[in-house]
């Protein structure tokens, strides 16, 4: 089974940065950093580029989650949503709302954790 990763931090490329230096700073494999950020040429980093710093997703329990059946939408309770802001990651949102990363991912199965967009609404389980 492939290991699952989520963005645990966002790093903005500065002048003089290399992908290797960023990987060493965050103790992340360069190849993983390239895959997660869809970088084909590690020597072509641009200043200001925002990089997802991957970390392992916490393992899910062996219990079936209580999710709605296919074809049934979960209601979007305004009190239970988070609107993505610049720099947000699922990990940060989970910590901010005091929920586990797994619970947040289960509540948002249609969201790519590496591709959050500003303004996107994330369901926050209560």
PDB file of N, CA and C in Angstrom:
ATOM      1  N   UNK A   1       0.849  -1.178   0.000  1.00  0.00           N
ATOM      2  CA  UNK A   1       0.000   0.000   0.000  1.00  0.00           C
ATOM      3  C   UNK A   1       0.895   1.242   0.000  1.00  0.00           C
ATOM      4  N   UNK A   2       0.591   2.209  -0.869  1.00  0.00           N
ATOM      5  CA  UNK A   2       1.384   3.431  -0.960  1.00  0.00           C
ATOM      6  C   UNK A   2       1.171   4.291   0.274  1.00  0.00           C
ATOM      7  N   UNK A   3       2.248   4.900   0.703  1.00  0.00           N
ATOM      8  CA  UNK A   3       2.180   5.779   1.865  1.00  0.00           C
ATOM      9  C   UNK A   3       1.455   7.063   1.462  1.00  0.00           C
ATOM     10  N   UNK A   4       0.583   7.564   2.330  1.00  0.00           N
ATOM     11  CA  UNK A   4      -0.179   8.781   2.057  1.00  0.00           C
ATOM     12  C   UNK A   4       0.512   9.965   2.717  1.00  0.00           C
ATOM     13  N   UNK A   5       0.532  11.086   2.005  1.00  0.00           N
ATOM     14  CA  UNK A   5       1.140  12.307   2.519  1.00  0.00           C
ATOM     15  C   UNK A   5       0.160  13.457   2.391  1.00  0.00           C
ATOM     16  N   UNK A   6       0.331  14.445   3.247  1.00  0.00           N
ATOM     17  CA  UNK A   6      -0.441  15.683   3.177  1.00  0.00           C
ATOM     18  C   UNK A   6       0.532  16.841   3.343  1.00  0.00           C
ATOM     19  N   UNK A   7       0.111  18.028   2.943  1.00  0.00           N
ATOM     20  CA  UNK A   7       0.940  19.217   3.139  1.00  0.00           C
ATOM     21  C   UNK A   7       0.914  19.587   4.614  1.00  0.00           C
ATOM     22  N   UNK A   8       2.069  19.533   5.246  1.00  0.00           N
ATOM     23  CA  UNK A   8       2.139  19.925   6.652  1.00  0.00           C
ATOM     24  C   UNK A   8       2.639  21.351   6.797  1.00  0.00           C
ATOM     25  N   UNK A   9       3.164  21.913   5.701  1.00  0.00           N
ATOM     26  CA  UNK A   9       3.645  23.291   5.706  1.00  0.00           C
ATOM     27  C   UNK A   9       3.714  23.772   4.265  1.00  0.00           C
ATOM     28  N   UNK A  10       3.769  25.078   4.107  1.00  0.00           N
ATOM     29  CA  UNK A  10       3.959  25.694   2.797  1.00  0.00           C
ATOM     30  C   UNK A  10       5.242  26.505   2.877  1.00  0.00           C
ATOM     31  N   UNK A  11       6.133  26.320   1.901  1.00  0.00           N
ATOM     32  CA  UNK A  11       7.377  27.084   1.864  1.00  0.00           C
ATOM     33  C   UNK A  11       7.381  27.925   0.596  1.00  0.00           C
ATOM     34  N   UNK A  12       7.712  29.205   0.733  1.00  0.00           N
ATOM     35  CA  UNK A  12       7.815  30.101  -0.418  1.00  0.00           C
ATOM     36  C   UNK A  12       9.280  30.213  -0.810  1.00  0.00           C
ATOM     37  N   UNK A  13       9.586  29.884  -2.063  1.00  0.00           N
ATOM     38  CA  UNK A  13      10.960  29.878  -2.559  1.00  0.00           C
ATOM     39  C   UNK A  13      11.541  31.292  -2.508  1.00  0.00           C
ATOM     40  N   UNK A  14      12.751  31.383  -1.948  1.00  0.00           N
ATOM     41  CA  UNK A  14      13.483  32.648  -1.827  1.00  0.00           C
ATOM     42  C   UNK A  14      14.676  32.630  -2.788  1.00  0.00           C
ATOM     43  N   UNK A  15      15.266  33.791  -3.025  1.00  0.00           N
ATOM     44  CA  UNK A  15      16.462  33.884  -3.866  1.00  0.00           C
ATOM     45  C   UNK A  15      17.549  32.979  -3.291  1.00  0.00           C
ATOM     46  N   UNK A  16      18.187  32.200  -4.149  1.00  0.00           N
ATOM     47  CA  UNK A  16      19.274  31.325  -3.731  1.00  0.00           C
ATOM     48  C   UNK A  16      18.844  29.947  -3.265  1.00  0.00           C
ATOM     49  N   UNK A  17      17.551  29.718  -3.124  1.00  0.00           N
ATOM     50  CA  UNK A  17      17.070  28.409  -2.684  1.00  0.00           C
ATOM     51  C   UNK A  17      17.307  27.349  -3.749  1.00  0.00           C
ATOM     52  N   UNK A  18      17.561  26.140  -3.283  1.00  0.00           N
ATOM     53  CA  UNK A  18      17.574  24.970  -4.157  1.00  0.00           C
ATOM     54  C   UNK A  18      16.581  23.972  -3.576  1.00  0.00           C
ATOM     55  N   UNK A  19      16.109  23.089  -4.417  1.00  0.00           N
ATOM     56  CA  UNK A  19      15.172  22.076  -3.941  1.00  0.00           C
ATOM     57  C   UNK A  19      15.848  21.200  -2.883  1.00  0.00           C
ATOM     58  N   UNK A  20      17.136  20.939  -3.083  1.00  0.00           N
ATOM     59  CA  UNK A  20      17.876  20.137  -2.107  1.00  0.00           C
ATOM     60  C   UNK A  20      17.909  20.845  -0.748  1.00  0.00           C
ATOM     61  N   UNK A  21      18.177  22.152  -0.746  1.00  0.00           N
ATOM     62  CA  UNK A  21      18.236  22.910   0.515  1.00  0.00           C
ATOM     63  C   UNK A  21      16.879  22.896   1.221  1.00  0.00           C
ATOM     64  N   UNK A  22      15.801  23.052   0.453  1.00  0.00           N
ATOM     65  CA  UNK A  22      14.457  23.016   1.042  1.00  0.00           C
ATOM     66  C   UNK A  22      14.192  21.632   1.628  1.00  0.00           C
ATOM     67  N   UNK A  23      14.589  20.585   0.892  1.00  0.00           N
ATOM     68  CA  UNK A  23      14.359  19.220   1.384  1.00  0.00           C
ATOM     69  C   UNK A  23      15.139  18.967   2.672  1.00  0.00           C
ATOM     70  N   UNK A  24      16.352  19.492   2.764  1.00  0.00           N
ATOM     71  CA  UNK A  24      17.158  19.328   3.975  1.00  0.00           C
ATOM     72  C   UNK A  24      16.569  20.118   5.138  1.00  0.00           C
ATOM     73  N   UNK A  25      16.083  21.314   4.847  1.00  0.00           N
ATOM     74  CA  UNK A  25      15.501  22.165   5.893  1.00  0.00           C
ATOM     75  C   UNK A  25      14.315  21.475   6.569  1.00  0.00           C
ATOM     76  N   UNK A  26      13.493  20.786   5.756  1.00  0.00           N
ATOM     77  CA  UNK A  26      12.285  20.139   6.276  1.00  0.00           C
ATOM     78  C   UNK A  26      12.439  18.630   6.470  1.00  0.00           C
ATOM     79  N   UNK A  27      13.661  18.110   6.215  1.00  0.00           N
ATOM     80  CA  UNK A  27      13.929  16.682   6.378  1.00  0.00           C
ATOM     81  C   UNK A  27      12.967  15.832   5.539  1.00  0.00           C
ATOM     82  N   UNK A  28      12.857  16.212   4.263  1.00  0.00           N
ATOM     83  CA  UNK A  28      11.968  15.541   3.311  1.00  0.00           C
ATOM     84  C   UNK A  28      12.805  15.099   2.114  1.00  0.00           C
ATOM     85  N   UNK A  29      12.532  13.932   1.578  1.00  0.00           N
ATOM     86  CA  UNK A  29      13.223  13.428   0.404  1.00  0.00           C
ATOM     87  C   UNK A  29      12.987  14.347  -0.797  1.00  0.00           C
ATOM     88  N   UNK A  30      14.060  14.667  -1.543  1.00  0.00           N
ATOM     89  CA  UNK A  30      13.949  15.554  -2.705  1.00  0.00           C
ATOM     90  C   UNK A  30      12.963  14.992  -3.724  1.00  0.00           C
ATOM     91  N   UNK A  31      13.025  13.686  -3.970  1.00  0.00           N
ATOM     92  CA  UNK A  31      12.116  13.065  -4.940  1.00  0.00           C
ATOM     93  C   UNK A  31      10.659  13.220  -4.538  1.00  0.00           C
ATOM     94  N   UNK A  32      10.374  13.058  -3.245  1.00  0.00           N
ATOM     95  CA  UNK A  32       9.005  13.229  -2.755  1.00  0.00           C
ATOM     96  C   UNK A  32       8.566  14.679  -2.913  1.00  0.00           C
ATOM     97  N   UNK A  33       9.454  15.616  -2.580  1.00  0.00           N
ATOM     98  CA  UNK A  33       9.151  17.040  -2.733  1.00  0.00           C
ATOM     99  C   UNK A  33       8.829  17.355  -4.195  1.00  0.00           C
ATOM    100  N   UNK A  34       9.579  16.755  -5.117  1.00  0.00           N
ATOM    101  CA  UNK A  34       9.333  16.964  -6.547  1.00  0.00           C
ATOM    102  C   UNK A  34       7.990  16.376  -6.972  1.00  0.00           C
ATOM    103  N   UNK A  35       7.685  15.147  -6.527  1.00  0.00           N
ATOM    104  CA  UNK A  35       6.428  14.499  -6.920  1.00  0.00           C
ATOM    105  C   UNK A  35       5.217  15.268  -6.411  1.00  0.00           C
ATOM    106  N   UNK A  36       5.250  15.632  -5.134  1.00  0.00           N
ATOM    107  CA  UNK A  36       4.106  16.307  -4.519  1.00  0.00           C
ATOM    108  C   UNK A  36       3.842  17.659  -5.179  1.00  0.00           C
ATOM    109  N   UNK A  37       4.923  18.353  -5.574  1.00  0.00           N
ATOM    110  CA  UNK A  37       4.780  19.683  -6.163  1.00  0.00           C
ATOM    111  C   UNK A  37       4.815  19.665  -7.690  1.00  0.00           C
ATOM    112  N   UNK A  38       4.822  18.449  -8.259  1.00  0.00           N
ATOM    113  CA  UNK A  38       4.820  18.271  -9.716  1.00  0.00           C
ATOM    114  C   UNK A  38       5.951  19.063 -10.385  1.00  0.00           C
ATOM    115  N   UNK A  39       7.150  18.896  -9.837  1.00  0.00           N
ATOM    116  CA  UNK A  39       8.336  19.574 -10.366  1.00  0.00           C
ATOM    117  C   UNK A  39       9.097  18.577 -11.224  1.00  0.00           C
ATOM    118  N   UNK A  40       9.301  18.917 -12.493  1.00  0.00           N
ATOM    119  CA  UNK A  40      10.032  18.011 -13.374  1.00  0.00           C
ATOM    120  C   UNK A  40      11.513  18.381 -13.453  1.00  0.00           C
ATOM    121  N   UNK A  41      11.845  19.654 -13.270  1.00  0.00           N
ATOM    122  CA  UNK A  41      13.231  20.099 -13.328  1.00  0.00           C
ATOM    123  C   UNK A  41      13.590  20.779 -12.006  1.00  0.00           C
ATOM    124  N   UNK A  42      14.356  20.115 -11.142  1.00  0.00           N
ATOM    125  CA  UNK A  42      14.667  20.687  -9.826  1.00  0.00           C
ATOM    126  C   UNK A  42      15.554  21.926  -9.899  1.00  0.00           C
ATOM    127  N   UNK A  43      16.152  22.193 -11.063  1.00  0.00           N
ATOM    128  CA  UNK A  43      17.040  23.348 -11.214  1.00  0.00           C
ATOM    129  C   UNK A  43      16.303  24.581 -11.720  1.00  0.00           C
ATOM    130  N   UNK A  44      14.994  24.478 -11.853  1.00  0.00           N
ATOM    131  CA  UNK A  44      14.212  25.581 -12.403  1.00  0.00           C
ATOM    132  C   UNK A  44      13.210  26.111 -11.375  1.00  0.00           C
ATOM    133  N   UNK A  45      13.665  26.323 -10.130  1.00  0.00           N
ATOM    134  CA  UNK A  45      12.790  26.898  -9.107  1.00  0.00           C
ATOM    135  C   UNK A  45      12.663  28.392  -9.351  1.00  0.00           C
ATOM    136  N   UNK A  46      11.472  28.897  -9.126  1.00  0.00           N
ATOM    137  CA  UNK A  46      11.248  30.334  -9.300  1.00  0.00           C
ATOM    138  C   UNK A  46      10.976  30.982  -7.952  1.00  0.00           C
ATOM    139  N   UNK A  47      11.569  32.131  -7.746  1.00  0.00           N
ATOM    140  CA  UNK A  47      11.352  32.886  -6.516  1.00  0.00           C
ATOM    141  C   UNK A  47       9.860  33.162  -6.381  1.00  0.00           C
ATOM    142  N   UNK A  48       9.336  32.940  -5.187  1.00  0.00           N
ATOM    143  CA  UNK A  48       7.918  33.186  -4.926  1.00  0.00           C
ATOM    144  C   UNK A  48       7.037  31.966  -5.096  1.00  0.00           C
ATOM    145  N   UNK A  49       7.576  30.898  -5.700  1.00  0.00           N
ATOM    146  CA  UNK A  49       6.800  29.664  -5.854  1.00  0.00           C
ATOM    147  C   UNK A  49       6.497  29.093  -4.474  1.00  0.00           C
ATOM    148  N   UNK A  50       5.252  28.692  -4.277  1.00  0.00           N
ATOM    149  CA  UNK A  50       4.848  28.096  -2.999  1.00  0.00           C
ATOM    150  C   UNK A  50       4.942  26.577  -3.124  1.00  0.00           C
ATOM    151  N   UNK A  51       5.728  25.976  -2.246  1.00  0.00           N
ATOM    152  CA  UNK A  51       5.916  24.528  -2.256  1.00  0.00           C
ATOM    153  C   UNK A  51       5.167  23.883  -1.099  1.00  0.00           C
ATOM    154  N   UNK A  52       4.488  22.796  -1.412  1.00  0.00           N
ATOM    155  CA  UNK A  52       3.861  21.972  -0.376  1.00  0.00           C
ATOM    156  C   UNK A  52       4.971  21.143   0.261  1.00  0.00           C
ATOM    157  N   UNK A  53       5.096  21.227   1.579  1.00  0.00           N
ATOM    158  CA  UNK A  53       6.058  20.396   2.301  1.00  0.00           C
ATOM    159  C   UNK A  53       5.285  19.190   2.825  1.00  0.00           C
ATOM    160  N   UNK A  54       5.527  18.004   2.238  1.00  0.00           N
ATOM    161  CA  UNK A  54       4.732  16.834   2.607  1.00  0.00           C
ATOM    162  C   UNK A  54       5.171  16.206   3.919  1.00  0.00           C
ATOM    163  N   UNK A  55       4.184  15.688   4.608  1.00  0.00           N
ATOM    164  CA  UNK A  55       4.411  14.906   5.816  1.00  0.00           C
ATOM    165  C   UNK A  55       3.451  13.741   5.777  1.00  0.00           C
ATOM    166  N   UNK A  56       3.737  12.694   6.522  1.00  0.00           N
ATOM    167  CA  UNK A  56       2.853  11.526   6.475  1.00  0.00           C
ATOM    168  C   UNK A  56       1.478  11.831   7.053  1.00  0.00           C
ATOM    169  N   UNK A  57       0.458  11.324   6.382  1.00  0.00           N
ATOM    170  CA  UNK A  57      -0.906  11.423   6.916  1.00  0.00           C
ATOM    171  C   UNK A  57      -0.996  10.440   8.070  1.00  0.00           C
ATOM    172  N   UNK A  58      -1.670  10.837   9.115  1.00  0.00           N
ATOM    173  CA  UNK A  58      -1.837   9.934  10.253  1.00  0.00           C
ATOM    174  C   UNK A  58      -2.666   8.738   9.795  1.00  0.00           C
ATOM    175  N   UNK A  59      -2.335   7.533  10.261  1.00  0.00           N
ATOM    176  CA  UNK A  59      -3.067   6.351   9.797  1.00  0.00           C
ATOM    177  C   UNK A  59      -4.542   6.400  10.195  1.00  0.00           C
ATOM    178  N   UNK A  60      -5.371   5.930   9.285  1.00  0.00           N
ATOM    179  CA  UNK A  60      -6.808   5.879   9.548  1.00  0.00           C
ATOM    180  C   UNK A  60      -7.135   4.663  10.402  1.00  0.00           C
ATOM    181  N   UNK A  61      -8.113   4.778  11.268  1.00  0.00           N
ATOM    182  CA  UNK A  61      -8.500   3.611  12.073  1.00  0.00           C
ATOM    183  C   UNK A  61      -9.143   2.550  11.189  1.00  0.00           C
ATOM    184  N   UNK A  62      -9.198   1.323  11.684  1.00  0.00           N
ATOM    185  CA  UNK A  62      -9.783   0.216  10.936  1.00  0.00           C
ATOM    186  C   UNK A  62     -11.303   0.174  11.054  1.00  0.00           C
ATOM    187  N   UNK A  63     -11.916   1.282  11.362  1.00  0.00           N
ATOM    188  CA  UNK A  63     -13.361   1.358  11.541  1.00  0.00           C
ATOM    189  C   UNK A  63     -13.956   2.052  10.320  1.00  0.00           C
ATOM    190  N   UNK A  64     -15.095   1.569   9.876  1.00  0.00           N
ATOM    191  CA  UNK A  64     -15.776   2.211   8.759  1.00  0.00           C
ATOM    192  C   UNK A  64     -16.357   3.548   9.215  1.00  0.00           C
ATOM    193  N   UNK A  65     -16.019   4.645   8.543  1.00  0.00           N
ATOM    194  CA  UNK A  65     -16.574   5.933   8.934  1.00  0.00           C
ATOM    195  C   UNK A  65     -18.058   6.007   8.614  1.00  0.00           C
ATOM    196  N   UNK A  66     -18.771   6.801   9.358  1.00  0.00           N
ATOM    197  CA  UNK A  66     -20.204   6.977   9.166  1.00  0.00           C
ATOM    198  C   UNK A  66     -20.423   8.095   8.149  1.00  0.00           C
ATOM    199  N   UNK A  67     -20.265   7.763   6.863  1.00  0.00           N
ATOM    200  CA  UNK A  67     -20.399   8.744   5.788  1.00  0.00           C
ATOM    201  C   UNK A  67     -21.740   8.575   5.088  1.00  0.00           C
ATOM    202  N   UNK A  68     -22.209   9.622   4.426  1.00  0.00           N
ATOM    203  CA  UNK A  68     -23.463   9.488   3.690  1.00  0.00           C
ATOM    204  C   UNK A  68     -23.302   8.510   2.532  1.00  0.00           C
ATOM    205  N   UNK A  69     -24.405   7.920   2.114  1.00  0.00           N
ATOM    206  CA  UNK A  69     -24.385   6.984   1.001  1.00  0.00           C
ATOM    207  C   UNK A  69     -24.144   7.741  -0.293  1.00  0.00           C
ATOM    208  N   UNK A  70     -23.673   7.011  -1.320  1.00  0.00           N
ATOM    209  CA  UNK A  70     -23.438   7.628  -2.621  1.00  0.00           C
ATOM    210  C   UNK A  70     -24.695   8.329  -3.108  1.00  0.00           C
ATOM    211  N   UNK A  71     -24.501   9.492  -3.699  1.00  0.00           N
ATOM    212  CA  UNK A  71     -25.626  10.242  -4.239  1.00  0.00           C
ATOM    213  C   UNK A  71     -26.297  11.140  -3.217  1.00  0.00           C
ATOM    214  N   UNK A  72     -25.854  11.081  -1.966  1.00  0.00           N
ATOM    215  CA  UNK A  72     -26.431  11.930  -0.924  1.00  0.00           C
ATOM    216  C   UNK A  72     -25.371  12.939  -0.521  1.00  0.00           C
ATOM    217  N   UNK A  73     -25.659  14.216  -0.697  1.00  0.00           N
ATOM    218  CA  UNK A  73     -24.708  15.255  -0.338  1.00  0.00           C
ATOM    219  C   UNK A  73     -24.754  15.530   1.152  1.00  0.00           C
ATOM    220  N   UNK A  74     -23.579  15.790   1.716  1.00  0.00           N
ATOM    221  CA  UNK A  74     -23.526  16.220   3.109  1.00  0.00           C
ATOM    222  C   UNK A  74     -23.947  17.684   3.145  1.00  0.00           C
ATOM    223  N   UNK A  75     -24.806  18.072   4.067  1.00  0.00           N
ATOM    224  CA  UNK A  75     -25.198  19.472   4.141  1.00  0.00           C
ATOM    225  C   UNK A  75     -24.010  20.334   4.534  1.00  0.00           C
ATOM    226  N   UNK A  76     -23.931  21.519   3.954  1.00  0.00           N
ATOM    227  CA  UNK A  76     -22.859  22.446   4.275  1.00  0.00           C
ATOM    228  C   UNK A  76     -23.345  23.390   5.361  1.00  0.00           C
ATOM    229  N   UNK A  77     -23.194  22.994   6.600  1.00  0.00           N
ATOM    230  CA  UNK A  77     -23.552  23.819   7.738  1.00  0.00           C
ATOM    231  C   UNK A  77     -22.520  24.935   7.841  1.00  0.00           C
ATOM    232  N   UNK A  78     -22.939  26.214   7.710  1.00  0.00           N
ATOM    233  CA  UNK A  78     -21.977  27.312   7.728  1.00  0.00           C
ATOM    234  C   UNK A  78     -21.100  27.321   8.981  1.00  0.00           C
ATOM    235  N   UNK A  79     -21.628  26.838  10.094  1.00  0.00           N
ATOM    236  CA  UNK A  79     -20.849  26.819  11.328  1.00  0.00           C
ATOM    237  C   UNK A  79     -19.784  25.730  11.284  1.00  0.00           C
ATOM    238  N   UNK A  80     -19.883  24.820  10.320  1.00  0.00           N
ATOM    239  CA  UNK A  80     -18.957  23.694  10.264  1.00  0.00           C
ATOM    240  C   UNK A  80     -18.138  23.698   8.983  1.00  0.00           C
ATOM    241  N   UNK A  81     -17.817  24.886   8.476  1.00  0.00           N
ATOM    242  CA  UNK A  81     -16.984  24.973   7.282  1.00  0.00           C
ATOM    243  C   UNK A  81     -15.808  25.906   7.543  1.00  0.00           C
ATOM    244  N   UNK A  82     -14.774  25.728   6.755  1.00  0.00           N
ATOM    245  CA  UNK A  82     -13.598  26.597   6.806  1.00  0.00           C
ATOM    246  C   UNK A  82     -13.336  27.047   5.381  1.00  0.00           C
ATOM    247  N   UNK A  83     -13.207  28.330   5.169  1.00  0.00           N
ATOM    248  CA  UNK A  83     -12.884  28.856   3.845  1.00  0.00           C
ATOM    249  C   UNK A  83     -11.364  28.966   3.753  1.00  0.00           C
ATOM    250  N   UNK A  84     -10.790  28.306   2.746  1.00  0.00           N
ATOM    251  CA  UNK A  84      -9.343  28.258   2.588  1.00  0.00           C
ATOM    252  C   UNK A  84      -8.791  29.651   2.308  1.00  0.00           C
ATOM    253  N   UNK A  85      -7.736  29.984   3.067  1.00  0.00           N
ATOM    254  CA  UNK A  85      -7.030  31.245   2.886  1.00  0.00           C
ATOM    255  C   UNK A  85      -5.622  30.942   2.374  1.00  0.00           C
ATOM    256  N   UNK A  86      -4.937  31.954   1.893  1.00  0.00           N
ATOM    257  CA  UNK A  86      -3.579  31.775   1.396  1.00  0.00           C
ATOM    258  C   UNK A  86      -2.706  31.140   2.475  1.00  0.00           C
ATOM    259  N   UNK A  87      -1.983  30.099   2.100  1.00  0.00           N
ATOM    260  CA  UNK A  87      -1.077  29.429   3.022  1.00  0.00           C
ATOM    261  C   UNK A  87      -1.691  28.287   3.804  1.00  0.00           C
ATOM    262  N   UNK A  88      -3.013  28.117   3.730  1.00  0.00           N
ATOM    263  CA  UNK A  88      -3.673  27.035   4.466  1.00  0.00           C
ATOM    264  C   UNK A  88      -3.272  25.666   3.914  1.00  0.00           C
ATOM    265  N   UNK A  89      -3.155  24.700   4.811  1.00  0.00           N
ATOM    266  CA  UNK A  89      -3.015  23.294   4.440  1.00  0.00           C
ATOM    267  C   UNK A  89      -4.055  22.529   5.248  1.00  0.00           C
ATOM    268  N   UNK A  90      -4.404  21.320   4.818  1.00  0.00           N
ATOM    269  CA  UNK A  90      -5.364  20.530   5.587  1.00  0.00           C
ATOM    270  C   UNK A  90      -4.847  20.291   6.997  1.00  0.00           C
ATOM    271  N   UNK A  91      -3.553  20.061   7.123  1.00  0.00           N
ATOM    272  CA  UNK A  91      -2.962  19.829   8.436  1.00  0.00           C
ATOM    273  C   UNK A  91      -3.190  21.044   9.340  1.00  0.00           C
ATOM    274  N   UNK A  92      -2.920  22.246   8.805  1.00  0.00           N
ATOM    275  CA  UNK A  92      -3.094  23.475   9.592  1.00  0.00           C
ATOM    276  C   UNK A  92      -4.564  23.700   9.951  1.00  0.00           C
ATOM    277  N   UNK A  93      -5.456  23.433   8.998  1.00  0.00           N
ATOM    278  CA  UNK A  93      -6.895  23.609   9.243  1.00  0.00           C
ATOM    279  C   UNK A  93      -7.356  22.650  10.339  1.00  0.00           C
ATOM    280  N   UNK A  94      -6.889  21.404  10.280  1.00  0.00           N
ATOM    281  CA  UNK A  94      -7.257  20.419  11.304  1.00  0.00           C
ATOM    282  C   UNK A  94      -6.807  20.890  12.683  1.00  0.00           C
ATOM    283  N   UNK A  95      -5.570  21.355  12.778  1.00  0.00           N
ATOM    284  CA  UNK A  95      -5.052  21.828  14.067  1.00  0.00           C
ATOM    285  C   UNK A  95      -5.838  23.048  14.548  1.00  0.00           C
ATOM    286  N   UNK A  96      -6.150  23.965  13.623  1.00  0.00           N
ATOM    287  CA  UNK A  96      -6.881  25.186  13.975  1.00  0.00           C
ATOM    288  C   UNK A  96      -8.259  24.868  14.547  1.00  0.00           C
ATOM    289  N   UNK A  97      -8.914  23.832  14.006  1.00  0.00           N
ATOM    290  CA  UNK A  97     -10.269  23.483  14.434  1.00  0.00           C
ATOM    291  C   UNK A  97     -10.287  22.340  15.452  1.00  0.00           C
ATOM    292  N   UNK A  98      -9.089  21.931  15.900  1.00  0.00           N
ATOM    293  CA  UNK A  98      -8.968  20.895  16.928  1.00  0.00           C
ATOM    294  C   UNK A  98      -9.652  19.583  16.527  1.00  0.00           C
ATOM    295  N   UNK A  99      -9.438  19.188  15.265  1.00  0.00           N
ATOM    296  CA  UNK A  99      -9.923  17.897  14.774  1.00  0.00           C
ATOM    297  C   UNK A  99      -8.723  17.148  14.204  1.00  0.00           C
ATOM    298  N   UNK A 100      -8.848  15.844  14.064  1.00  0.00           N
ATOM    299  CA  UNK A 100      -7.741  15.085  13.491  1.00  0.00           C
ATOM    300  C   UNK A 100      -7.706  15.282  11.982  1.00  0.00           C
ATOM    301  N   UNK A 101      -6.525  15.109  11.437  1.00  0.00           N
ATOM    302  CA  UNK A 101      -6.356  15.210   9.993  1.00  0.00           C
ATOM    303  C   UNK A 101      -7.208  14.160   9.289  1.00  0.00           C
ATOM    304  N   UNK A 102      -7.267  12.953   9.873  1.00  0.00           N
ATOM    305  CA  UNK A 102      -8.066  11.878   9.274  1.00  0.00           C
ATOM    306  C   UNK A 102      -9.536  12.263   9.202  1.00  0.00           C
ATOM    307  N   UNK A 103     -10.061  12.849  10.292  1.00  0.00           N
ATOM    308  CA  UNK A 103     -11.475  13.242  10.318  1.00  0.00           C
ATOM    309  C   UNK A 103     -11.746  14.300   9.256  1.00  0.00           C
ATOM    310  N   UNK A 104     -10.823  15.237   9.107  1.00  0.00           N
ATOM    311  CA  UNK A 104     -10.986  16.287   8.102  1.00  0.00           C
ATOM    312  C   UNK A 104     -10.953  15.692   6.696  1.00  0.00           C
ATOM    313  N   UNK A 105     -10.059  14.729   6.466  1.00  0.00           N
ATOM    314  CA  UNK A 105      -9.967  14.094   5.150  1.00  0.00           C
ATOM    315  C   UNK A 105     -11.201  13.240   4.862  1.00  0.00           C
ATOM    316  N   UNK A 106     -11.738  12.553   5.883  1.00  0.00           N
ATOM    317  CA  UNK A 106     -12.951  11.751   5.684  1.00  0.00           C
ATOM    318  C   UNK A 106     -14.148  12.642   5.376  1.00  0.00           C
ATOM    319  N   UNK A 107     -14.196  13.822   5.981  1.00  0.00           N
ATOM    320  CA  UNK A 107     -15.314  14.742   5.750  1.00  0.00           C
ATOM    321  C   UNK A 107     -15.216  15.417   4.387  1.00  0.00           C
ATOM    322  N   UNK A 108     -14.048  15.316   3.735  1.00  0.00           N
ATOM    323  CA  UNK A 108     -13.815  15.974   2.451  1.00  0.00           C
ATOM    324  C   UNK A 108     -13.156  15.020   1.464  1.00  0.00           C
ATOM    325  N   UNK A 109     -13.810  13.892   1.152  1.00  0.00           N
ATOM    326  CA  UNK A 109     -13.168  12.885   0.305  1.00  0.00           C
ATOM    327  C   UNK A 109     -12.908  13.357  -1.123  1.00  0.00           C
ATOM    328  N   UNK A 110     -13.599  14.399  -1.554  1.00  0.00           N
ATOM    329  CA  UNK A 110     -13.455  14.887  -2.923  1.00  0.00           C
ATOM    330  C   UNK A 110     -12.356  15.934  -3.070  1.00  0.00           C
ATOM    331  N   UNK A 111     -11.652  16.257  -1.994  1.00  0.00           N
ATOM    332  CA  UNK A 111     -10.646  17.315  -2.031  1.00  0.00           C
ATOM    333  C   UNK A 111      -9.250  16.716  -2.112  1.00  0.00           C
ATOM    334  N   UNK A 112      -8.442  17.236  -3.048  1.00  0.00           N
ATOM    335  CA  UNK A 112      -7.040  16.844  -3.172  1.00  0.00           C
ATOM    336  C   UNK A 112      -6.252  17.643  -2.133  1.00  0.00           C
ATOM    337  N   UNK A 113      -5.672  16.992  -1.114  1.00  0.00           N
ATOM    338  CA  UNK A 113      -4.987  17.729  -0.052  1.00  0.00           C
ATOM    339  C   UNK A 113      -3.777  18.519  -0.532  1.00  0.00           C
ATOM    340  N   UNK A 114      -3.265  18.209  -1.733  1.00  0.00           N
ATOM    341  CA  UNK A 114      -2.119  18.934  -2.276  1.00  0.00           C
ATOM    342  C   UNK A 114      -2.542  20.098  -3.159  1.00  0.00           C
ATOM    343  N   UNK A 115      -3.834  20.276  -3.352  1.00  0.00           N
ATOM    344  CA  UNK A 115      -4.292  21.282  -4.304  1.00  0.00           C
ATOM    345  C   UNK A 115      -5.432  22.110  -3.721  1.00  0.00           C
ATOM    346  N   UNK A 116      -5.251  22.639  -2.519  1.00  0.00           N
ATOM    347  CA  UNK A 116      -6.267  23.516  -1.935  1.00  0.00           C
ATOM    348  C   UNK A 116      -6.222  24.850  -2.657  1.00  0.00           C
ATOM    349  N   UNK A 117      -7.392  25.425  -2.862  1.00  0.00           N
ATOM    350  CA  UNK A 117      -7.476  26.717  -3.543  1.00  0.00           C
ATOM    351  C   UNK A 117      -8.107  27.740  -2.605  1.00  0.00           C
ATOM    352  N   UNK A 118      -7.609  28.958  -2.687  1.00  0.00           N
ATOM    353  CA  UNK A 118      -8.151  30.047  -1.879  1.00  0.00           C
ATOM    354  C   UNK A 118      -9.638  30.185  -2.185  1.00  0.00           C
ATOM    355  N   UNK A 119     -10.450  30.274  -1.123  1.00  0.00           N
ATOM    356  CA  UNK A 119     -11.898  30.409  -1.276  1.00  0.00           C
ATOM    357  C   UNK A 119     -12.645  29.090  -1.227  1.00  0.00           C
ATOM    358  N   UNK A 120     -11.927  27.972  -1.335  1.00  0.00           N
ATOM    359  CA  UNK A 120     -12.546  26.645  -1.282  1.00  0.00           C
ATOM    360  C   UNK A 120     -13.150  26.431   0.109  1.00  0.00           C
ATOM    361  N   UNK A 121     -14.329  25.810   0.160  1.00  0.00           N
ATOM    362  CA  UNK A 121     -14.962  25.511   1.444  1.00  0.00           C
ATOM    363  C   UNK A 121     -14.630  24.086   1.863  1.00  0.00           C
ATOM    364  N   UNK A 122     -14.108  23.951   3.074  1.00  0.00           N
ATOM    365  CA  UNK A 122     -13.736  22.661   3.644  1.00  0.00           C
ATOM    366  C   UNK A 122     -14.721  22.335   4.758  1.00  0.00           C
ATOM    367  N   UNK A 123     -15.295  21.133   4.726  1.00  0.00           N
ATOM    368  CA  UNK A 123     -16.185  20.698   5.813  1.00  0.00           C
ATOM    369  C   UNK A 123     -15.339  20.398   7.048  1.00  0.00           C
ATOM    370  N   UNK A 124     -15.773  20.898   8.192  1.00  0.00           N
ATOM    371  CA  UNK A 124     -15.073  20.635   9.449  1.00  0.00           C
ATOM    372  C   UNK A 124     -15.988  19.796  10.330  1.00  0.00           C
ATOM    373  N   UNK A 125     -15.621  18.532  10.584  1.00  0.00           N
ATOM    374  CA  UNK A 125     -16.477  17.686  11.422  1.00  0.00           C
ATOM    375  C   UNK A 125     -16.538  18.222  12.848  1.00  0.00           C
ATOM    376  N   UNK A 126     -17.709  18.054  13.459  1.00  0.00           N
ATOM    377  CA  UNK A 126     -17.904  18.555  14.832  1.00  0.00           C
ATOM    378  C   UNK A 126     -17.694  17.464  15.843  1.00  0.00           C
TER     379      UNK A 126
END
